[in-house]
Amino acid sequence: MRRITTALIAALTAISLPAIAADPTDIVTFVNGDRLTGEFKSLERGKLRFKTAATDTILIEWDNVAFLKSDQNIQVETENGARYLGHLSAATDEKRLAVEMSSGPVVLENEHVILMTPIEGLRRDRIDGDISAGYTFAKAKSVKTTNLSFDLSYRTESRILELDYDTLVTDSSEDDGEEDDEGASQDLSLALEYKRLLRNRWLAGGIVRFERNDELGLDLRTSIGGGGGRILRQSDNSSLSLTGGLFVSRENTVVSDPDIALQGENEDHVIRDYLEASVNLTWDWFRYDTPELDLTTTLQIFPNLTDSGEYRGEFEIELKWEIIADLFWSLSITDTYDSKVDEISGEGEKNDYSIITSVGWDF
């Protein structure tokens, strides 16, 4: 698992090698008439990133921008999912964006523009990510909890590549101070996902996921699959998406009853291969006023198509609160359910939940 994680991180990090910087000829004009000359970086979640020689990269609220001019090749996306590619020229009316496309100019209202990304080959600016960690110790019960989360995404004009890693380790000791191996448990998830952005907010892609949950008796689940879906609604402060697909999964489950285990070299594990479907609903709300807030709610359901009646699911709510620039505090609540745990493993619980607080950094 460590080798897989290292290889994926190295592959995505290699993409971030810097390209030759664009000449600082872009111009942003504010509603009050002030102007800045520099390099346009991106527009996302209501914040325009703009770099000048004097200030480096700064964040500008999109509502305060009257005009934007750029000689870069920029992809512009609106609320309804329409995408335009071209240079940005000065519009005649305030809070209008003129996109000079090969087929001709298109003028858009600023309030309908939610995403802009320069398309100039491989660029470090296309990479977004965050890393967070937390630690809790309860002396009375001698319980230590450590969590680590790492998210990385790379976006082009029509593709998104994401790497997500989460782990939660709970370690307990006996009253006499000796470590209790039975009290140690790990909940781990590693996923690499590819998304292809289609017309009218539709998308398709594939994913490879590795999971472990000691509380559910799951030693390792490996899933490979693909599917598609649609962003039902998107704006400068929220997004609602519905996706689904098919997965081929191999599950290695720890068992305590030798009568349940398969006969073979490893009689304390059950290995199963099966086909399952997935349905995912995600709602993301964010506020770009200081302090920034980000609330994400995700519901995932996985019906087993090989063994009817079996299913698993996960519900998660995560809140991120900006402390200072790029430094945040987060609170996440996760509930995981697996209907087949007792039938196969003979141990563990069908339901497992966690409440995690941590401090992290956006980059």
Foldseek 3Di string as FASTA:
>chain_A
DVVVVVVVVVVVVVLADADDDDAQAKKWAWPVGDIDTGDWAKFALQWTWGADPVPGTDTDGLVGTFWIFFQFFKWWAFFQGDIATAGWDTDPGTQWTWGQHPVGIDIDGSQGTHIMHGADHRHNSQKKKKKWKDWDADPVFQKIKIKIWIKMWGDHNFKIKIKIKIKMWIWTDDPVRHGDPVRIWMWIKIKIWMWTADGRQKIWTWMWMWTATVLLQWHIKTKTWIWIWGFPTDGSFKTKIKIKIKIWMKTKGFADDLVLADDDDDSRIHIDIFMKMKIKIKMWGWDPPPFIKIKIWMKMKIATPGDHPWIKIKIKIKMWTDPDVQKIKMKMKMKIATPCSCVRHVDHDRIDIDIDIIIMGMD
